[in-house]
Amino acid sequence: IMLLYLKQAWESRVRAGNDTQEDLLYAIREGAVLRVRPKAMTVAVIIAGLVPIMFGAGTGSEVMQRIAAPMVGGMITAPLLSMFVVPAVYLILRRQQAKSD
């Protein structure tokens, strides 16, 4: 979904006649900012649901903790990937595409 927002922001800047490197950076920031709140809300809700499982004690808690631990790790690393790595790679690829045009 992040790529769709980045592409949409860039295409709207290009249609307006703004297709410089600075405009590319602005479009990436604009597209990424639109995804911050939905991503943060999703991660917060999922982690809030998994925290009781991680710190619970009782019947079956050992098994559930082993199931929940990778999910918590994924919910910490996946947003970092989509918020930082995907926009950076998009910038690199767009710059290379602009050089080849």
PDB file of N, CA and C in Angstrom:
ATOM      1  N   ILE A   1       0.836  -1.184   0.000  1.00  0.00           N
ATOM      2  CA  ILE A   1       0.000   0.000   0.000  1.00  0.00           C
ATOM      3  C   ILE A   1       0.879   1.245   0.000  1.00  0.00           C
ATOM      4  N   MET A   2       2.009   1.176   0.692  1.00  0.00           N
ATOM      5  CA  MET A   2       2.907   2.337   0.736  1.00  0.00           C
ATOM      6  C   MET A   2       3.336   2.723  -0.671  1.00  0.00           C
ATOM      7  N   LEU A   3       3.632   1.740  -1.513  1.00  0.00           N
ATOM      8  CA  LEU A   3       4.047   2.050  -2.884  1.00  0.00           C
ATOM      9  C   LEU A   3       2.949   2.768  -3.659  1.00  0.00           C
ATOM     10  N   LEU A   4       1.712   2.401  -3.424  1.00  0.00           N
ATOM     11  CA  LEU A   4       0.605   3.080  -4.101  1.00  0.00           C
ATOM     12  C   LEU A   4       0.543   4.548  -3.710  1.00  0.00           C
ATOM     13  N   TYR A   5       0.705   4.823  -2.429  1.00  0.00           N
ATOM     14  CA  TYR A   5       0.680   6.213  -1.973  1.00  0.00           C
ATOM     15  C   TYR A   5       1.865   7.005  -2.523  1.00  0.00           C
ATOM     16  N   LEU A   6       3.037   6.389  -2.544  1.00  0.00           N
ATOM     17  CA  LEU A   6       4.216   7.074  -3.086  1.00  0.00           C
ATOM     18  C   LEU A   6       4.049   7.351  -4.577  1.00  0.00           C
ATOM     19  N   LYS A   7       3.580   6.356  -5.296  1.00  0.00           N
ATOM     20  CA  LYS A   7       3.388   6.513  -6.739  1.00  0.00           C
ATOM     21  C   LYS A   7       2.328   7.566  -7.034  1.00  0.00           C
ATOM     22  N   GLN A   8       1.253   7.551  -6.284  1.00  0.00           N
ATOM     23  CA  GLN A   8       0.180   8.521  -6.490  1.00  0.00           C
ATOM     24  C   GLN A   8       0.660   9.948  -6.210  1.00  0.00           C
ATOM     25  N   ALA A   9       1.418  10.127  -5.141  1.00  0.00           N
ATOM     26  CA  ALA A   9       1.941  11.454  -4.817  1.00  0.00           C
ATOM     27  C   ALA A   9       2.901  11.939  -5.908  1.00  0.00           C
ATOM     28  N   TRP A  10       3.750  11.048  -6.407  1.00  0.00           N
ATOM     29  CA  TRP A  10       4.710  11.418  -7.451  1.00  0.00           C
ATOM     30  C   TRP A  10       3.985  11.758  -8.750  1.00  0.00           C
ATOM     31  N   GLU A  11       3.008  10.943  -9.126  1.00  0.00           N
ATOM     32  CA  GLU A  11       2.284  11.193 -10.369  1.00  0.00           C
ATOM     33  C   GLU A  11       1.503  12.502 -10.318  1.00  0.00           C
ATOM     34  N   SER A  12       0.974  12.854  -9.166  1.00  0.00           N
ATOM     35  CA  SER A  12       0.258  14.135  -9.064  1.00  0.00           C
ATOM     36  C   SER A  12       1.228  15.302  -9.205  1.00  0.00           C
ATOM     37  N   ARG A  13       2.463  15.156  -8.688  1.00  0.00           N
ATOM     38  CA  ARG A  13       3.471  16.217  -8.853  1.00  0.00           C
ATOM     39  C   ARG A  13       3.903  16.325 -10.316  1.00  0.00           C
ATOM     40  N   VAL A  14       4.053  15.182 -10.984  1.00  0.00           N
ATOM     41  CA  VAL A  14       4.464  15.194 -12.391  1.00  0.00           C
ATOM     42  C   VAL A  14       3.375  15.830 -13.249  1.00  0.00           C
ATOM     43  N   ARG A  15       2.114  15.498 -12.980  1.00  0.00           N
ATOM     44  CA  ARG A  15       1.009  16.102 -13.739  1.00  0.00           C
ATOM     45  C   ARG A  15       0.976  17.618 -13.557  1.00  0.00           C
ATOM     46  N   ALA A  16       1.399  18.089 -12.399  1.00  0.00           N
ATOM     47  CA  ALA A  16       1.440  19.527 -12.145  1.00  0.00           C
ATOM     48  C   ALA A  16       2.673  20.183 -12.765  1.00  0.00           C
ATOM     49  N   GLY A  17       3.546  19.384 -13.372  1.00  0.00           N
ATOM     50  CA  GLY A  17       4.737  19.925 -14.031  1.00  0.00           C
ATOM     51  C   GLY A  17       5.938  20.018 -13.115  1.00  0.00           C
ATOM     52  N   ASN A  18       5.862  19.409 -11.947  1.00  0.00           N
ATOM     53  CA  ASN A  18       6.971  19.436 -10.994  1.00  0.00           C
ATOM     54  C   ASN A  18       7.625  18.061 -10.972  1.00  0.00           C
ATOM     55  N   ASP A  19       8.738  17.936 -11.686  1.00  0.00           N
ATOM     56  CA  ASP A  19       9.391  16.630 -11.747  1.00  0.00           C
ATOM     57  C   ASP A  19      10.898  16.705 -11.502  1.00  0.00           C
ATOM     58  N   THR A  20      11.299  17.590 -10.608  1.00  0.00           N
ATOM     59  CA  THR A  20      12.713  17.690 -10.249  1.00  0.00           C
ATOM     60  C   THR A  20      13.021  16.716  -9.116  1.00  0.00           C
ATOM     61  N   GLN A  21      14.297  16.615  -8.769  1.00  0.00           N
ATOM     62  CA  GLN A  21      14.711  15.753  -7.663  1.00  0.00           C
ATOM     63  C   GLN A  21      14.107  16.222  -6.340  1.00  0.00           C
ATOM     64  N   GLU A  22      14.044  17.524  -6.158  1.00  0.00           N
ATOM     65  CA  GLU A  22      13.445  18.078  -4.937  1.00  0.00           C
ATOM     66  C   GLU A  22      11.958  17.743  -4.865  1.00  0.00           C
ATOM     67  N   ASP A  23      11.287  17.787  -5.996  1.00  0.00           N
ATOM     68  CA  ASP A  23       9.868  17.429  -6.031  1.00  0.00           C
ATOM     69  C   ASP A  23       9.666  15.946  -5.741  1.00  0.00           C
ATOM     70  N   LEU A  24      10.610  15.125  -6.177  1.00  0.00           N
ATOM     71  CA  LEU A  24      10.537  13.702  -5.882  1.00  0.00           C
ATOM     72  C   LEU A  24      10.622  13.465  -4.373  1.00  0.00           C
ATOM     73  N   LEU A  25      11.550  14.136  -3.719  1.00  0.00           N
ATOM     74  CA  LEU A  25      11.667  14.019  -2.264  1.00  0.00           C
ATOM     75  C   LEU A  25      10.398  14.492  -1.567  1.00  0.00           C
ATOM     76  N   TYR A  26       9.851  15.600  -2.038  1.00  0.00           N
ATOM     77  CA  TYR A  26       8.626  16.124  -1.443  1.00  0.00           C
ATOM     78  C   TYR A  26       7.471  15.139  -1.635  1.00  0.00           C
ATOM     79  N   ALA A  27       7.371  14.548  -2.811  1.00  0.00           N
ATOM     80  CA  ALA A  27       6.300  13.589  -3.084  1.00  0.00           C
ATOM     81  C   ALA A  27       6.447  12.340  -2.216  1.00  0.00           C
ATOM     82  N   ILE A  28       7.664  11.890  -2.002  1.00  0.00           N
ATOM     83  CA  ILE A  28       7.885  10.726  -1.148  1.00  0.00           C
ATOM     84  C   ILE A  28       7.491  11.041   0.282  1.00  0.00           C
ATOM     85  N   ARG A  29       7.876  12.216   0.764  1.00  0.00           N
ATOM     86  CA  ARG A  29       7.466  12.610   2.122  1.00  0.00           C
ATOM     87  C   ARG A  29       5.949  12.709   2.228  1.00  0.00           C
ATOM     88  N   GLU A  30       5.346  13.306   1.232  1.00  0.00           N
ATOM     89  CA  GLU A  30       3.889  13.482   1.218  1.00  0.00           C
ATOM     90  C   GLU A  30       3.166  12.127   1.225  1.00  0.00           C
ATOM     91  N   GLY A  31       3.602  11.213   0.394  1.00  0.00           N
ATOM     92  CA  GLY A  31       2.977   9.900   0.326  1.00  0.00           C
ATOM     93  C   GLY A  31       3.201   9.082   1.585  1.00  0.00           C
ATOM     94  N   ALA A  32       4.399   9.164   2.155  1.00  0.00           N
ATOM     95  CA  ALA A  32       4.709   8.386   3.355  1.00  0.00           C
ATOM     96  C   ALA A  32       3.961   8.908   4.576  1.00  0.00           C
ATOM     97  N   VAL A  33       3.816  10.207   4.666  1.00  0.00           N
ATOM     98  CA  VAL A  33       3.120  10.796   5.817  1.00  0.00           C
ATOM     99  C   VAL A  33       1.660  10.356   5.858  1.00  0.00           C
ATOM    100  N   LEU A  34       1.071  10.136   4.711  1.00  0.00           N
ATOM    101  CA  LEU A  34      -0.319   9.689   4.680  1.00  0.00           C
ATOM    102  C   LEU A  34      -0.491   8.293   5.271  1.00  0.00           C
ATOM    103  N   ARG A  35       0.575   7.517   5.329  1.00  0.00           N
ATOM    104  CA  ARG A  35       0.489   6.150   5.849  1.00  0.00           C
ATOM    105  C   ARG A  35       0.925   6.012   7.298  1.00  0.00           C
ATOM    106  N   VAL A  36       1.425   7.078   7.917  1.00  0.00           N
ATOM    107  CA  VAL A  36       1.942   6.971   9.274  1.00  0.00           C
ATOM    108  C   VAL A  36       0.839   6.620  10.270  1.00  0.00           C
ATOM    109  N   ARG A  37      -0.244   7.364  10.280  1.00  0.00           N
ATOM    110  CA  ARG A  37      -1.295   7.121  11.264  1.00  0.00           C
ATOM    111  C   ARG A  37      -1.951   5.745  11.099  1.00  0.00           C
ATOM    112  N   PRO A  38      -2.369   5.345   9.889  1.00  0.00           N
ATOM    113  CA  PRO A  38      -2.961   4.010   9.778  1.00  0.00           C
ATOM    114  C   PRO A  38      -2.001   2.895  10.198  1.00  0.00           C
ATOM    115  N   LYS A  39      -0.731   3.041   9.844  1.00  0.00           N
ATOM    116  CA  LYS A  39       0.248   2.021  10.220  1.00  0.00           C
ATOM    117  C   LYS A  39       0.452   2.003  11.731  1.00  0.00           C
ATOM    118  N   ALA A  40       0.562   3.170  12.340  1.00  0.00           N
ATOM    119  CA  ALA A  40       0.752   3.246  13.789  1.00  0.00           C
ATOM    120  C   ALA A  40      -0.448   2.677  14.543  1.00  0.00           C
ATOM    121  N   MET A  41      -1.643   2.968  14.067  1.00  0.00           N
ATOM    122  CA  MET A  41      -2.846   2.437  14.723  1.00  0.00           C
ATOM    123  C   MET A  41      -2.900   0.922  14.608  1.00  0.00           C
ATOM    124  N   THR A  42      -2.601   0.391  13.459  1.00  0.00           N
ATOM    125  CA  THR A  42      -2.621  -1.056  13.257  1.00  0.00           C
ATOM    126  C   THR A  42      -1.617  -1.741  14.168  1.00  0.00           C
ATOM    127  N   VAL A  43      -0.413  -1.231  14.206  1.00  0.00           N
ATOM    128  CA  VAL A  43       0.643  -1.828  15.027  1.00  0.00           C
ATOM    129  C   VAL A  43       0.281  -1.727  16.505  1.00  0.00           C
ATOM    130  N   ALA A  44      -0.212  -0.569  16.927  1.00  0.00           N
ATOM    131  CA  ALA A  44      -0.554  -0.386  18.344  1.00  0.00           C
ATOM    132  C   ALA A  44      -1.642  -1.357  18.791  1.00  0.00           C
ATOM    133  N   VAL A  45      -2.654  -1.533  17.974  1.00  0.00           N
ATOM    134  CA  VAL A  45      -3.745  -2.440  18.336  1.00  0.00           C
ATOM    135  C   VAL A  45      -3.265  -3.886  18.396  1.00  0.00           C
ATOM    136  N   ILE A  46      -2.469  -4.294  17.440  1.00  0.00           N
ATOM    137  CA  ILE A  46      -1.988  -5.677  17.431  1.00  0.00           C
ATOM    138  C   ILE A  46      -1.057  -5.939  18.612  1.00  0.00           C
ATOM    139  N   ILE A  47      -0.147  -5.020  18.874  1.00  0.00           N
ATOM    140  CA  ILE A  47       0.757  -5.202  20.012  1.00  0.00           C
ATOM    141  C   ILE A  47      -0.019  -5.168  21.323  1.00  0.00           C
ATOM    142  N   ALA A  48      -1.001  -4.275  21.439  1.00  0.00           N
ATOM    143  CA  ALA A  48      -1.816  -4.229  22.654  1.00  0.00           C
ATOM    144  C   ALA A  48      -2.566  -5.540  22.868  1.00  0.00           C
ATOM    145  N   GLY A  49      -2.948  -6.186  21.803  1.00  0.00           N
ATOM    146  CA  GLY A  49      -3.616  -7.478  21.921  1.00  0.00           C
ATOM    147  C   GLY A  49      -2.671  -8.613  22.269  1.00  0.00           C
ATOM    148  N   LEU A  50      -1.408  -8.482  21.898  1.00  0.00           N
ATOM    149  CA  LEU A  50      -0.438  -9.550  22.153  1.00  0.00           C
ATOM    150  C   LEU A  50       0.284  -9.415  23.487  1.00  0.00           C
ATOM    151  N   VAL A  51       0.319  -8.226  24.052  1.00  0.00           N
ATOM    152  CA  VAL A  51       1.025  -8.022  25.324  1.00  0.00           C
ATOM    153  C   VAL A  51       0.449  -8.887  26.438  1.00  0.00           C
ATOM    154  N   PRO A  52      -0.871  -8.974  26.601  1.00  0.00           N
ATOM    155  CA  PRO A  52      -1.377  -9.860  27.659  1.00  0.00           C
ATOM    156  C   PRO A  52      -0.975 -11.323  27.464  1.00  0.00           C
ATOM    157  N   ILE A  53      -0.872 -11.748  26.235  1.00  0.00           N
ATOM    158  CA  ILE A  53      -0.436 -13.119  25.974  1.00  0.00           C
ATOM    159  C   ILE A  53       1.033 -13.294  26.378  1.00  0.00           C
ATOM    160  N   MET A  54       1.846 -12.280  26.087  1.00  0.00           N
ATOM    161  CA  MET A  54       3.270 -12.372  26.393  1.00  0.00           C
ATOM    162  C   MET A  54       3.539 -12.409  27.896  1.00  0.00           C
ATOM    163  N   PHE A  55       2.751 -11.693  28.673  1.00  0.00           N
ATOM    164  CA  PHE A  55       3.007 -11.606  30.112  1.00  0.00           C
ATOM    165  C   PHE A  55       2.026 -12.420  30.949  1.00  0.00           C
ATOM    166  N   GLY A  56       1.173 -13.169  30.302  1.00  0.00           N
ATOM    167  CA  GLY A  56       0.204 -13.986  31.019  1.00  0.00           C
ATOM    168  C   GLY A  56       0.849 -15.207  31.658  1.00  0.00           C
ATOM    169  N   ALA A  57       0.203 -15.683  32.691  1.00  0.00           N
ATOM    170  CA  ALA A  57       0.656 -16.903  33.357  1.00  0.00           C
ATOM    171  C   ALA A  57      -0.586 -17.751  33.614  1.00  0.00           C
ATOM    172  N   GLY A  58      -0.499 -18.977  33.236  1.00  0.00           N
ATOM    173  CA  GLY A  58      -1.631 -19.857  33.435  1.00  0.00           C
ATOM    174  C   GLY A  58      -1.557 -21.019  32.479  1.00  0.00           C
ATOM    175  N   THR A  59      -2.643 -21.727  32.400  1.00  0.00           N
ATOM    176  CA  THR A  59      -2.700 -22.905  31.536  1.00  0.00           C
ATOM    177  C   THR A  59      -2.505 -22.505  30.076  1.00  0.00           C
ATOM    178  N   GLY A  60      -1.542 -23.109  29.429  1.00  0.00           N
ATOM    179  CA  GLY A  60      -1.293 -22.866  28.017  1.00  0.00           C
ATOM    180  C   GLY A  60      -0.501 -21.611  27.715  1.00  0.00           C
ATOM    181  N   SER A  61      -0.097 -20.863  28.742  1.00  0.00           N
ATOM    182  CA  SER A  61       0.594 -19.597  28.473  1.00  0.00           C
ATOM    183  C   SER A  61       1.968 -19.807  27.842  1.00  0.00           C
ATOM    184  N   GLU A  62       2.647 -20.896  28.187  1.00  0.00           N
ATOM    185  CA  GLU A  62       3.974 -21.140  27.608  1.00  0.00           C
ATOM    186  C   GLU A  62       3.885 -21.342  26.096  1.00  0.00           C
ATOM    187  N   VAL A  63       2.890 -22.065  25.670  1.00  0.00           N
ATOM    188  CA  VAL A  63       2.704 -22.307  24.241  1.00  0.00           C
ATOM    189  C   VAL A  63       2.300 -21.009  23.539  1.00  0.00           C
ATOM    190  N   MET A  64       1.388 -20.274  24.132  1.00  0.00           N
ATOM    191  CA  MET A  64       0.913 -19.029  23.510  1.00  0.00           C
ATOM    192  C   MET A  64       2.014 -17.971  23.431  1.00  0.00           C
ATOM    193  N   GLN A  65       2.901 -17.941  24.432  1.00  0.00           N
ATOM    194  CA  GLN A  65       4.007 -16.987  24.387  1.00  0.00           C
ATOM    195  C   GLN A  65       4.938 -17.291  23.218  1.00  0.00           C
ATOM    196  N   ARG A  66       5.130 -18.565  22.963  1.00  0.00           N
ATOM    197  CA  ARG A  66       5.992 -18.951  21.837  1.00  0.00           C
ATOM    198  C   ARG A  66       5.351 -18.614  20.502  1.00  0.00           C
ATOM    199  N   ILE A  67       4.038 -18.601  20.473  1.00  0.00           N
ATOM    200  CA  ILE A  67       3.333 -18.220  19.246  1.00  0.00           C
ATOM    201  C   ILE A  67       3.320 -16.708  19.084  1.00  0.00           C
ATOM    202  N   ALA A  68       3.131 -15.981  20.176  1.00  0.00           N
ATOM    203  CA  ALA A  68       2.993 -14.524  20.118  1.00  0.00           C
ATOM    204  C   ALA A  68       4.323 -13.801  19.929  1.00  0.00           C
ATOM    205  N   ALA A  69       5.417 -14.364  20.408  1.00  0.00           N
ATOM    206  CA  ALA A  69       6.719 -13.682  20.334  1.00  0.00           C
ATOM    207  C   ALA A  69       7.129 -13.303  18.909  1.00  0.00           C
ATOM    208  N   PRO A  70       7.053 -14.209  17.932  1.00  0.00           N
ATOM    209  CA  PRO A  70       7.412 -13.795  16.569  1.00  0.00           C
ATOM    210  C   PRO A  70       6.455 -12.756  15.994  1.00  0.00           C
ATOM    211  N   MET A  71       5.209 -12.818  16.419  1.00  0.00           N
ATOM    212  CA  MET A  71       4.239 -11.835  15.925  1.00  0.00           C
ATOM    213  C   MET A  71       4.569 -10.441  16.450  1.00  0.00           C
ATOM    214  N   VAL A  72       4.972 -10.353  17.718  1.00  0.00           N
ATOM    215  CA  VAL A  72       5.370  -9.058  18.283  1.00  0.00           C
ATOM    216  C   VAL A  72       6.612  -8.549  17.557  1.00  0.00           C
ATOM    217  N   GLY A  73       7.583  -9.407  17.329  1.00  0.00           N
ATOM    218  CA  GLY A  73       8.786  -9.009  16.595  1.00  0.00           C
ATOM    219  C   GLY A  73       8.464  -8.527  15.193  1.00  0.00           C
ATOM    220  N   GLY A  74       7.563  -9.228  14.534  1.00  0.00           N
ATOM    221  CA  GLY A  74       7.153  -8.814  13.193  1.00  0.00           C
ATOM    222  C   GLY A  74       6.428  -7.492  13.189  1.00  0.00           C
ATOM    223  N   MET A  75       5.634  -7.249  14.211  1.00  0.00           N
ATOM    224  CA  MET A  75       4.898  -5.990  14.273  1.00  0.00           C
ATOM    225  C   MET A  75       5.799  -4.822  14.641  1.00  0.00           C
ATOM    226  N   ILE A  76       6.968  -5.099  15.126  1.00  0.00           N
ATOM    227  CA  ILE A  76       7.939  -4.033  15.386  1.00  0.00           C
ATOM    228  C   ILE A  76       8.778  -3.762  14.143  1.00  0.00           C
ATOM    229  N   THR A  77       9.193  -4.820  13.444  1.00  0.00           N
ATOM    230  CA  THR A  77      10.082  -4.640  12.295  1.00  0.00           C
ATOM    231  C   THR A  77       9.350  -4.294  11.002  1.00  0.00           C
ATOM    232  N   ALA A  78       8.155  -4.821  10.794  1.00  0.00           N
ATOM    233  CA  ALA A  78       7.433  -4.569   9.538  1.00  0.00           C
ATOM    234  C   ALA A  78       7.116  -3.088   9.324  1.00  0.00           C
ATOM    235  N   PRO A  79       6.652  -2.363  10.324  1.00  0.00           N
ATOM    236  CA  PRO A  79       6.415  -0.929  10.098  1.00  0.00           C
ATOM    237  C   PRO A  79       7.701  -0.155   9.820  1.00  0.00           C
ATOM    238  N   LEU A  80       8.784  -0.558  10.465  1.00  0.00           N
ATOM    239  CA  LEU A  80      10.058   0.109  10.183  1.00  0.00           C
ATOM    240  C   LEU A  80      10.461  -0.095   8.728  1.00  0.00           C
ATOM    241  N   LEU A  81      10.245  -1.299   8.234  1.00  0.00           N
ATOM    242  CA  LEU A  81      10.543  -1.586   6.835  1.00  0.00           C
ATOM    243  C   LEU A  81       9.682  -0.734   5.916  1.00  0.00           C
ATOM    244  N   SER A  82       8.392  -0.708   6.161  1.00  0.00           N
ATOM    245  CA  SER A  82       7.508   0.012   5.243  1.00  0.00           C
ATOM    246  C   SER A  82       7.630   1.523   5.382  1.00  0.00           C
ATOM    247  N   MET A  83       8.050   2.012   6.533  1.00  0.00           N
ATOM    248  CA  MET A  83       8.149   3.464   6.714  1.00  0.00           C
ATOM    249  C   MET A  83       9.508   4.045   6.305  1.00  0.00           C
ATOM    250  N   PHE A  84      10.548   3.254   6.359  1.00  0.00           N
ATOM    251  CA  PHE A  84      11.878   3.783   6.059  1.00  0.00           C
ATOM    252  C   PHE A  84      12.510   3.145   4.821  1.00  0.00           C
ATOM    253  N   VAL A  85      12.482   1.845   4.732  1.00  0.00           N
ATOM    254  CA  VAL A  85      13.179   1.161   3.649  1.00  0.00           C
ATOM    255  C   VAL A  85      12.442   1.314   2.318  1.00  0.00           C
ATOM    256  N   VAL A  86      11.135   1.122   2.321  1.00  0.00           N
ATOM    257  CA  VAL A  86      10.373   1.205   1.072  1.00  0.00           C
ATOM    258  C   VAL A  86      10.481   2.602   0.440  1.00  0.00           C
ATOM    259  N   PRO A  87      10.285   3.705   1.195  1.00  0.00           N
ATOM    260  CA  PRO A  87      10.472   5.019   0.562  1.00  0.00           C
ATOM    261  C   PRO A  87      11.903   5.257   0.062  1.00  0.00           C
ATOM    262  N   ALA A  88      12.897   4.758   0.790  1.00  0.00           N
ATOM    263  CA  ALA A  88      14.287   4.942   0.356  1.00  0.00           C
ATOM    264  C   ALA A  88      14.555   4.187  -0.947  1.00  0.00           C
ATOM    265  N   VAL A  89      14.068   2.982  -1.039  1.00  0.00           N
ATOM    266  CA  VAL A  89      14.248   2.194  -2.268  1.00  0.00           C
ATOM    267  C   VAL A  89      13.484   2.838  -3.419  1.00  0.00           C
ATOM    268  N   TYR A  90      12.289   3.351  -3.138  1.00  0.00           N
ATOM    269  CA  TYR A  90      11.504   4.034  -4.167  1.00  0.00           C
ATOM    270  C   TYR A  90      12.275   5.246  -4.699  1.00  0.00           C
ATOM    271  N   LEU A  91      12.902   6.003  -3.802  1.00  0.00           N
ATOM    272  CA  LEU A  91      13.704   7.154  -4.210  1.00  0.00           C
ATOM    273  C   LEU A  91      14.862   6.728  -5.097  1.00  0.00           C
ATOM    274  N   ILE A  92      15.561   5.688  -4.709  1.00  0.00           N
ATOM    275  CA  ILE A  92      16.700   5.209  -5.488  1.00  0.00           C
ATOM    276  C   ILE A  92      16.256   4.758  -6.881  1.00  0.00           C
ATOM    277  N   LEU A  93      15.173   3.990  -6.936  1.00  0.00           N
ATOM    278  CA  LEU A  93      14.695   3.494  -8.228  1.00  0.00           C
ATOM    279  C   LEU A  93      14.195   4.624  -9.126  1.00  0.00           C
ATOM    280  N   ARG A  94      13.503   5.585  -8.562  1.00  0.00           N
ATOM    281  CA  ARG A  94      13.022   6.725  -9.370  1.00  0.00           C
ATOM    282  C   ARG A  94      14.182   7.563  -9.885  1.00  0.00           C
ATOM    283  N   ARG A  95      15.207   7.741  -9.071  1.00  0.00           N
ATOM    284  CA  ARG A  95      16.389   8.491  -9.526  1.00  0.00           C
ATOM    285  C   ARG A  95      17.078   7.763 -10.681  1.00  0.00           C
ATOM    286  N   GLN A  96      17.199   6.450 -10.560  1.00  0.00           N
ATOM    287  CA  GLN A  96      17.814   5.679 -11.656  1.00  0.00           C
ATOM    288  C   GLN A  96      16.967   5.736 -12.905  1.00  0.00           C
ATOM    289  N   GLN A  97      15.654   5.696 -12.727  1.00  0.00           N
ATOM    290  CA  GLN A  97      14.756   5.775 -13.872  1.00  0.00           C
ATOM    291  C   GLN A  97      14.855   7.145 -14.530  1.00  0.00           C
ATOM    292  N   ALA A  98      14.988   8.191 -13.739  1.00  0.00           N
ATOM    293  CA  ALA A  98      15.113   9.541 -14.303  1.00  0.00           C
ATOM    294  C   ALA A  98      16.424   9.711 -15.076  1.00  0.00           C
ATOM    295  N   LYS A  99      17.488   9.083 -14.598  1.00  0.00           N
ATOM    296  CA  LYS A  99      18.768   9.167 -15.297  1.00  0.00           C
ATOM    297  C   LYS A  99      18.741   8.446 -16.630  1.00  0.00           C
ATOM    298  N   SER A 100      17.987   7.354 -16.693  1.00  0.00           N
ATOM    299  CA  SER A 100      17.926   6.586 -17.927  1.00  0.00           C
ATOM    300  C   SER A 100      16.991   7.214 -18.969  1.00  0.00           C
ATOM    301  N   ASP A 101      16.095   8.103 -18.528  1.00  0.00           N
ATOM    302  CA  ASP A 101      15.164   8.749 -19.469  1.00  0.00           C
ATOM    303  C   ASP A 101      15.801   9.818 -20.274  1.00  0.00           C
TER     304      ASP A 101
END
